[in-house]
Amino acid sequence: MSYTCKKCGAVAEEPGHLCNPCGDEEKCSFCGASGVNPKHICKEKLVSMKYVCGGCGRAATEQTHLCKPQPIL
């Protein structure tokens, strides 16, 4: 199943990989906190971030998770 961003129209395989994420809250795969939304950034996740979206400013570990990826320098 694919998801489409309501803001920019980008398509992603997971609901949290969009600048306007959709889907239910879930458990953080980095820190284990439960009930977090896809925009949750914990200290462990922040260290792993390598890219920022030039459109919405969201950070990600991989380019494919952003609609306009730019490397964090």
PDB file of N, CA and C in Angstrom:
ATOM      1  N   MET A   1       0.845  -1.181   0.000  1.00  0.00           N
ATOM      2  CA  MET A   1       0.000   0.000   0.000  1.00  0.00           C
ATOM      3  C   MET A   1       0.888   1.240   0.000  1.00  0.00           C
ATOM      4  N   SER A   2       0.506   2.241  -0.738  1.00  0.00           N
ATOM      5  CA  SER A   2       1.275   3.483  -0.739  1.00  0.00           C
ATOM      6  C   SER A   2       0.420   4.619  -0.174  1.00  0.00           C
ATOM      7  N   TYR A   3       1.100   5.653   0.311  1.00  0.00           N
ATOM      8  CA  TYR A   3       0.456   6.811   0.918  1.00  0.00           C
ATOM      9  C   TYR A   3       0.856   8.054   0.133  1.00  0.00           C
ATOM     10  N   THR A   4      -0.048   9.009   0.032  1.00  0.00           N
ATOM     11  CA  THR A   4       0.228  10.256  -0.664  1.00  0.00           C
ATOM     12  C   THR A   4       0.149  11.412   0.314  1.00  0.00           C
ATOM     13  N   CYS A   5       1.159  12.284   0.291  1.00  0.00           N
ATOM     14  CA  CYS A   5       1.211  13.436   1.193  1.00  0.00           C
ATOM     15  C   CYS A   5       0.134  14.446   0.798  1.00  0.00           C
ATOM     16  N   LYS A   6      -0.628  14.912   1.774  1.00  0.00           N
ATOM     17  CA  LYS A   6      -1.684  15.894   1.532  1.00  0.00           C
ATOM     18  C   LYS A   6      -1.114  17.281   1.261  1.00  0.00           C
ATOM     19  N   LYS A   7       0.155  17.494   1.614  1.00  0.00           N
ATOM     20  CA  LYS A   7       0.771  18.815   1.439  1.00  0.00           C
ATOM     21  C   LYS A   7       1.475  18.957   0.087  1.00  0.00           C
ATOM     22  N   CYS A   8       2.356  17.984  -0.250  1.00  0.00           N
ATOM     23  CA  CYS A   8       3.187  18.137  -1.451  1.00  0.00           C
ATOM     24  C   CYS A   8       2.898  17.116  -2.542  1.00  0.00           C
ATOM     25  N   GLY A   9       2.090  16.082  -2.246  1.00  0.00           N
ATOM     26  CA  GLY A   9       1.767  15.080  -3.247  1.00  0.00           C
ATOM     27  C   GLY A   9       2.767  13.948  -3.375  1.00  0.00           C
ATOM     28  N   ALA A  10       3.835  13.945  -2.552  1.00  0.00           N
ATOM     29  CA  ALA A  10       4.832  12.875  -2.588  1.00  0.00           C
ATOM     30  C   ALA A  10       4.174  11.545  -2.210  1.00  0.00           C
ATOM     31  N   VAL A  11       4.704  10.453  -2.740  1.00  0.00           N
ATOM     32  CA  VAL A  11       4.184   9.124  -2.461  1.00  0.00           C
ATOM     33  C   VAL A  11       5.231   8.351  -1.672  1.00  0.00           C
ATOM     34  N   ALA A  12       4.788   7.592  -0.654  1.00  0.00           N
ATOM     35  CA  ALA A  12       5.700   6.804   0.179  1.00  0.00           C
ATOM     36  C   ALA A  12       5.059   5.472   0.522  1.00  0.00           C
ATOM     37  N   GLU A  13       5.899   4.491   0.819  1.00  0.00           N
ATOM     38  CA  GLU A  13       5.421   3.165   1.193  1.00  0.00           C
ATOM     39  C   GLU A  13       4.956   3.118   2.648  1.00  0.00           C
ATOM     40  N   GLU A  14       5.456   4.036   3.491  1.00  0.00           N
ATOM     41  CA  GLU A  14       5.073   4.086   4.896  1.00  0.00           C
ATOM     42  C   GLU A  14       4.469   5.456   5.191  1.00  0.00           C
ATOM     43  N   PRO A  15       3.443   5.532   6.047  1.00  0.00           N
ATOM     44  CA  PRO A  15       2.751   6.794   6.276  1.00  0.00           C
ATOM     45  C   PRO A  15       3.599   7.868   6.946  1.00  0.00           C
ATOM     46  N   GLY A  16       4.634   7.497   7.675  1.00  0.00           N
ATOM     47  CA  GLY A  16       5.464   8.480   8.359  1.00  0.00           C
ATOM     48  C   GLY A  16       6.526   9.115   7.489  1.00  0.00           C
ATOM     49  N   HIS A  17       6.699   8.653   6.259  1.00  0.00           N
ATOM     50  CA  HIS A  17       7.743   9.160   5.384  1.00  0.00           C
ATOM     51  C   HIS A  17       7.223  10.253   4.465  1.00  0.00           C
ATOM     52  N   LEU A  18       6.384  11.121   5.009  1.00  0.00           N
ATOM     53  CA  LEU A  18       5.803  12.220   4.257  1.00  0.00           C
ATOM     54  C   LEU A  18       5.893  13.491   5.090  1.00  0.00           C
ATOM     55  N   CYS A  19       5.897  14.666   4.450  1.00  0.00           N
ATOM     56  CA  CYS A  19       6.000  15.909   5.226  1.00  0.00           C
ATOM     57  C   CYS A  19       4.728  16.185   6.015  1.00  0.00           C
ATOM     58  N   ASN A  20       3.586  15.619   5.592  1.00  0.00           N
ATOM     59  CA  ASN A  20       2.349  15.700   6.362  1.00  0.00           C
ATOM     60  C   ASN A  20       1.937  14.260   6.644  1.00  0.00           C
ATOM     61  N   PRO A  21       2.583  13.617   7.644  1.00  0.00           N
ATOM     62  CA  PRO A  21       2.377  12.193   7.860  1.00  0.00           C
ATOM     63  C   PRO A  21       0.944  11.848   8.229  1.00  0.00           C
ATOM     64  N   CYS A  22       0.534  10.671   7.795  1.00  0.00           N
ATOM     65  CA  CYS A  22      -0.770  10.159   8.152  1.00  0.00           C
ATOM     66  C   CYS A  22      -0.561   8.814   8.834  1.00  0.00           C
ATOM     67  N   GLY A  23      -1.577   8.254   9.367  1.00  0.00           N
ATOM     68  CA  GLY A  23      -1.460   6.953  10.023  1.00  0.00           C
ATOM     69  C   GLY A  23      -1.521   7.090  11.529  1.00  0.00           C
ATOM     70  N   ASP A  24      -1.577   5.956  12.189  1.00  0.00           N
ATOM     71  CA  ASP A  24      -1.707   5.925  13.640  1.00  0.00           C
ATOM     72  C   ASP A  24      -0.376   6.179  14.326  1.00  0.00           C
ATOM     73  N   GLU A  25      -0.468   6.602  15.594  1.00  0.00           N
ATOM     74  CA  GLU A  25       0.742   6.743  16.397  1.00  0.00           C
ATOM     75  C   GLU A  25       1.283   5.353  16.669  1.00  0.00           C
ATOM     76  N   GLU A  26       2.601   5.259  16.871  1.00  0.00           N
ATOM     77  CA  GLU A  26       3.224   3.957  17.055  1.00  0.00           C
ATOM     78  C   GLU A  26       4.375   4.053  18.042  1.00  0.00           C
ATOM     79  N   LYS A  27       5.068   2.942  18.237  1.00  0.00           N
ATOM     80  CA  LYS A  27       6.224   2.882  19.125  1.00  0.00           C
ATOM     81  C   LYS A  27       7.466   3.334  18.364  1.00  0.00           C
ATOM     82  N   CYS A  28       8.312   4.171  18.983  1.00  0.00           N
ATOM     83  CA  CYS A  28       9.536   4.661  18.347  1.00  0.00           C
ATOM     84  C   CYS A  28      10.550   3.525  18.236  1.00  0.00           C
ATOM     85  N   SER A  29      11.059   3.292  17.024  1.00  0.00           N
ATOM     86  CA  SER A  29      12.022   2.212  16.811  1.00  0.00           C
ATOM     87  C   SER A  29      13.407   2.570  17.342  1.00  0.00           C
ATOM     88  N   PHE A  30      13.639   3.825  17.693  1.00  0.00           N
ATOM     89  CA  PHE A  30      14.939   4.246  18.217  1.00  0.00           C
ATOM     90  C   PHE A  30      14.977   4.231  19.744  1.00  0.00           C
ATOM     91  N   CYS A  31      13.993   4.883  20.397  1.00  0.00           N
ATOM     92  CA  CYS A  31      14.050   5.008  21.862  1.00  0.00           C
ATOM     93  C   CYS A  31      13.035   4.132  22.578  1.00  0.00           C
ATOM     94  N   GLY A  32      12.074   3.557  21.836  1.00  0.00           N
ATOM     95  CA  GLY A  32      11.090   2.670  22.440  1.00  0.00           C
ATOM     96  C   GLY A  32       9.879   3.363  23.033  1.00  0.00           C
ATOM     97  N   ALA A  33       9.811   4.700  22.974  1.00  0.00           N
ATOM     98  CA  ALA A  33       8.654   5.417  23.509  1.00  0.00           C
ATOM     99  C   ALA A  33       7.405   5.006  22.743  1.00  0.00           C
ATOM    100  N   SER A  34       6.305   4.815  23.465  1.00  0.00           N
ATOM    101  CA  SER A  34       5.071   4.421  22.797  1.00  0.00           C
ATOM    102  C   SER A  34       4.167   5.636  22.593  1.00  0.00           C
ATOM    103  N   GLY A  35       3.247   5.510  21.652  1.00  0.00           N
ATOM    104  CA  GLY A  35       2.286   6.565  21.395  1.00  0.00           C
ATOM    105  C   GLY A  35       2.884   7.805  20.757  1.00  0.00           C
ATOM    106  N   VAL A  36       3.929   7.645  19.933  1.00  0.00           N
ATOM    107  CA  VAL A  36       4.556   8.798  19.282  1.00  0.00           C
ATOM    108  C   VAL A  36       4.071   8.894  17.841  1.00  0.00           C
ATOM    109  N   ASN A  37       4.041  10.104  17.307  1.00  0.00           N
ATOM    110  CA  ASN A  37       3.636  10.277  15.920  1.00  0.00           C
ATOM    111  C   ASN A  37       4.867  10.196  15.022  1.00  0.00           C
ATOM    112  N   PRO A  38       4.686  10.132  13.701  1.00  0.00           N
ATOM    113  CA  PRO A  38       5.831   9.968  12.793  1.00  0.00           C
ATOM    114  C   PRO A  38       6.841  11.115  12.820  1.00  0.00           C
ATOM    115  N   LYS A  39       6.488  12.272  13.364  1.00  0.00           N
ATOM    116  CA  LYS A  39       7.418  13.401  13.439  1.00  0.00           C
ATOM    117  C   LYS A  39       8.256  13.388  14.716  1.00  0.00           C
ATOM    118  N   HIS A  40       8.039  12.407  15.590  1.00  0.00           N
ATOM    119  CA  HIS A  40       8.793  12.290  16.847  1.00  0.00           C
ATOM    120  C   HIS A  40      10.289  12.160  16.561  1.00  0.00           C
ATOM    121  N   ILE A  41      11.102  13.008  17.176  1.00  0.00           N
ATOM    122  CA  ILE A  41      12.560  12.907  17.039  1.00  0.00           C
ATOM    123  C   ILE A  41      13.166  12.854  18.430  1.00  0.00           C
ATOM    124  N   CYS A  42      13.648  11.681  18.831  1.00  0.00           N
ATOM    125  CA  CYS A  42      14.313  11.513  20.122  1.00  0.00           C
ATOM    126  C   CYS A  42      15.815  11.730  19.935  1.00  0.00           C
ATOM    127  N   LYS A  43      16.543  11.764  21.017  1.00  0.00           N
ATOM    128  CA  LYS A  43      17.988  12.002  20.963  1.00  0.00           C
ATOM    129  C   LYS A  43      18.696  10.948  20.118  1.00  0.00           C
ATOM    130  N   GLU A  44      18.304   9.670  20.269  1.00  0.00           N
ATOM    131  CA  GLU A  44      18.928   8.596  19.507  1.00  0.00           C
ATOM    132  C   GLU A  44      18.677   8.755  18.006  1.00  0.00           C
ATOM    133  N   LYS A  45      17.468   9.163  17.643  1.00  0.00           N
ATOM    134  CA  LYS A  45      17.119   9.343  16.237  1.00  0.00           C
ATOM    135  C   LYS A  45      17.837  10.557  15.657  1.00  0.00           C
ATOM    136  N   LEU A  46      17.952  11.624  16.419  1.00  0.00           N
ATOM    137  CA  LEU A  46      18.577  12.856  15.946  1.00  0.00           C
ATOM    138  C   LEU A  46      20.020  12.620  15.510  1.00  0.00           C
ATOM    139  N   VAL A  47      20.748  11.782  16.225  1.00  0.00           N
ATOM    140  CA  VAL A  47      22.135  11.465  15.891  1.00  0.00           C
ATOM    141  C   VAL A  47      22.229  10.783  14.530  1.00  0.00           C
ATOM    142  N   SER A  48      21.199  10.028  14.150  1.00  0.00           N
ATOM    143  CA  SER A  48      21.205   9.273  12.894  1.00  0.00           C
ATOM    144  C   SER A  48      20.747  10.084  11.686  1.00  0.00           C
ATOM    145  N   MET A  49      20.212  11.269  11.899  1.00  0.00           N
ATOM    146  CA  MET A  49      19.679  12.063  10.788  1.00  0.00           C
ATOM    147  C   MET A  49      20.794  12.530   9.860  1.00  0.00           C
ATOM    148  N   LYS A  50      20.614  12.309   8.550  1.00  0.00           N
ATOM    149  CA  LYS A  50      21.618  12.679   7.557  1.00  0.00           C
ATOM    150  C   LYS A  50      21.073  13.638   6.506  1.00  0.00           C
ATOM    151  N   TYR A  51      19.729  13.762   6.422  1.00  0.00           N
ATOM    152  CA  TYR A  51      19.118  14.579   5.381  1.00  0.00           C
ATOM    153  C   TYR A  51      18.015  15.454   5.957  1.00  0.00           C
ATOM    154  N   VAL A  52      17.770  16.563   5.284  1.00  0.00           N
ATOM    155  CA  VAL A  52      16.673  17.461   5.636  1.00  0.00           C
ATOM    156  C   VAL A  52      15.891  17.737   4.357  1.00  0.00           C
ATOM    157  N   CYS A  53      14.583  17.910   4.469  1.00  0.00           N
ATOM    158  CA  CYS A  53      13.752  18.183   3.306  1.00  0.00           C
ATOM    159  C   CYS A  53      13.791  19.668   2.982  1.00  0.00           C
ATOM    160  N   GLY A  54      14.108  19.996   1.735  1.00  0.00           N
ATOM    161  CA  GLY A  54      14.143  21.385   1.301  1.00  0.00           C
ATOM    162  C   GLY A  54      12.754  21.987   1.172  1.00  0.00           C
ATOM    163  N   GLY A  55      11.707  21.158   1.236  1.00  0.00           N
ATOM    164  CA  GLY A  55      10.335  21.639   1.134  1.00  0.00           C
ATOM    165  C   GLY A  55       9.691  21.908   2.479  1.00  0.00           C
ATOM    166  N   CYS A  56       9.763  20.922   3.382  1.00  0.00           N
ATOM    167  CA  CYS A  56       9.046  21.043   4.662  1.00  0.00           C
ATOM    168  C   CYS A  56       9.966  21.148   5.869  1.00  0.00           C
ATOM    169  N   GLY A  57      11.281  20.868   5.692  1.00  0.00           N
ATOM    170  CA  GLY A  57      12.215  20.971   6.809  1.00  0.00           C
ATOM    171  C   GLY A  57      12.317  19.730   7.669  1.00  0.00           C
ATOM    172  N   ARG A  58      11.615  18.671   7.331  1.00  0.00           N
ATOM    173  CA  ARG A  58      11.659  17.447   8.110  1.00  0.00           C
ATOM    174  C   ARG A  58      13.017  16.756   7.947  1.00  0.00           C
ATOM    175  N   ALA A  59      13.534  16.151   9.003  1.00  0.00           N
ATOM    176  CA  ALA A  59      14.810  15.435   8.961  1.00  0.00           C
ATOM    177  C   ALA A  59      14.553  13.946   8.764  1.00  0.00           C
ATOM    178  N   ALA A  60      15.535  13.245   8.154  1.00  0.00           N
ATOM    179  CA  ALA A  60      15.389  11.808   7.913  1.00  0.00           C
ATOM    180  C   ALA A  60      16.749  11.136   7.857  1.00  0.00           C
ATOM    181  N   THR A  61      16.733   9.824   8.035  1.00  0.00           N
ATOM    182  CA  THR A  61      17.960   9.034   7.964  1.00  0.00           C
ATOM    183  C   THR A  61      18.292   8.656   6.530  1.00  0.00           C
ATOM    184  N   GLU A  62      17.306   8.666   5.632  1.00  0.00           N
ATOM    185  CA  GLU A  62      17.513   8.284   4.241  1.00  0.00           C
ATOM    186  C   GLU A  62      16.841   9.273   3.296  1.00  0.00           C
ATOM    187  N   GLN A  63      17.438   9.479   2.134  1.00  0.00           N
ATOM    188  CA  GLN A  63      16.900  10.415   1.135  1.00  0.00           C
ATOM    189  C   GLN A  63      15.493  10.046   0.700  1.00  0.00           C
ATOM    190  N   THR A  64      15.220   8.749   0.589  1.00  0.00           N
ATOM    191  CA  THR A  64      13.924   8.288   0.086  1.00  0.00           C
ATOM    192  C   THR A  64      12.767   8.621   1.021  1.00  0.00           C
ATOM    193  N   HIS A  65      13.056   9.065   2.232  1.00  0.00           N
ATOM    194  CA  HIS A  65      12.005   9.404   3.191  1.00  0.00           C
ATOM    195  C   HIS A  65      11.553  10.850   3.063  1.00  0.00           C
ATOM    196  N   LEU A  66      12.144  11.606   2.148  1.00  0.00           N
ATOM    197  CA  LEU A  66      11.844  13.032   2.006  1.00  0.00           C
ATOM    198  C   LEU A  66      11.469  13.366   0.571  1.00  0.00           C
ATOM    199  N   CYS A  67      10.646  14.420   0.408  1.00  0.00           N
ATOM    200  CA  CYS A  67      10.235  14.785  -0.956  1.00  0.00           C
ATOM    201  C   CYS A  67      11.296  15.623  -1.659  1.00  0.00           C
ATOM    202  N   LYS A  68      12.081  16.427  -0.926  1.00  0.00           N
ATOM    203  CA  LYS A  68      13.159  17.226  -1.517  1.00  0.00           C
ATOM    204  C   LYS A  68      14.410  17.097  -0.628  1.00  0.00           C
ATOM    205  N   PRO A  69      15.058  15.917  -0.631  1.00  0.00           N
ATOM    206  CA  PRO A  69      16.190  15.662   0.282  1.00  0.00           C
ATOM    207  C   PRO A  69      17.427  16.496  -0.015  1.00  0.00           C
ATOM    208  N   GLN A  70      18.045  16.986   1.054  1.00  0.00           N
ATOM    209  CA  GLN A  70      19.309  17.690   0.993  1.00  0.00           C
ATOM    210  C   GLN A  70      20.180  17.188   2.133  1.00  0.00           C
ATOM    211  N   PRO A  71      21.476  16.946   1.894  1.00  0.00           N
ATOM    212  CA  PRO A  71      22.341  16.450   2.971  1.00  0.00           C
ATOM    213  C   PRO A  71      22.493  17.486   4.087  1.00  0.00           C
ATOM    214  N   ILE A  72      22.527  17.007   5.323  1.00  0.00           N
ATOM    215  CA  ILE A  72      22.802  17.875   6.466  1.00  0.00           C
ATOM    216  C   ILE A  72      24.306  18.026   6.562  1.00  0.00           C
ATOM    217  N   LEU A  73      24.770  19.228   6.486  1.00  0.00           N
ATOM    218  CA  LEU A  73      26.225  19.479   6.502  1.00  0.00           C
ATOM    219  C   LEU A  73      26.716  19.837   7.873  1.00  0.00           C
TER     220      LEU A  73
END
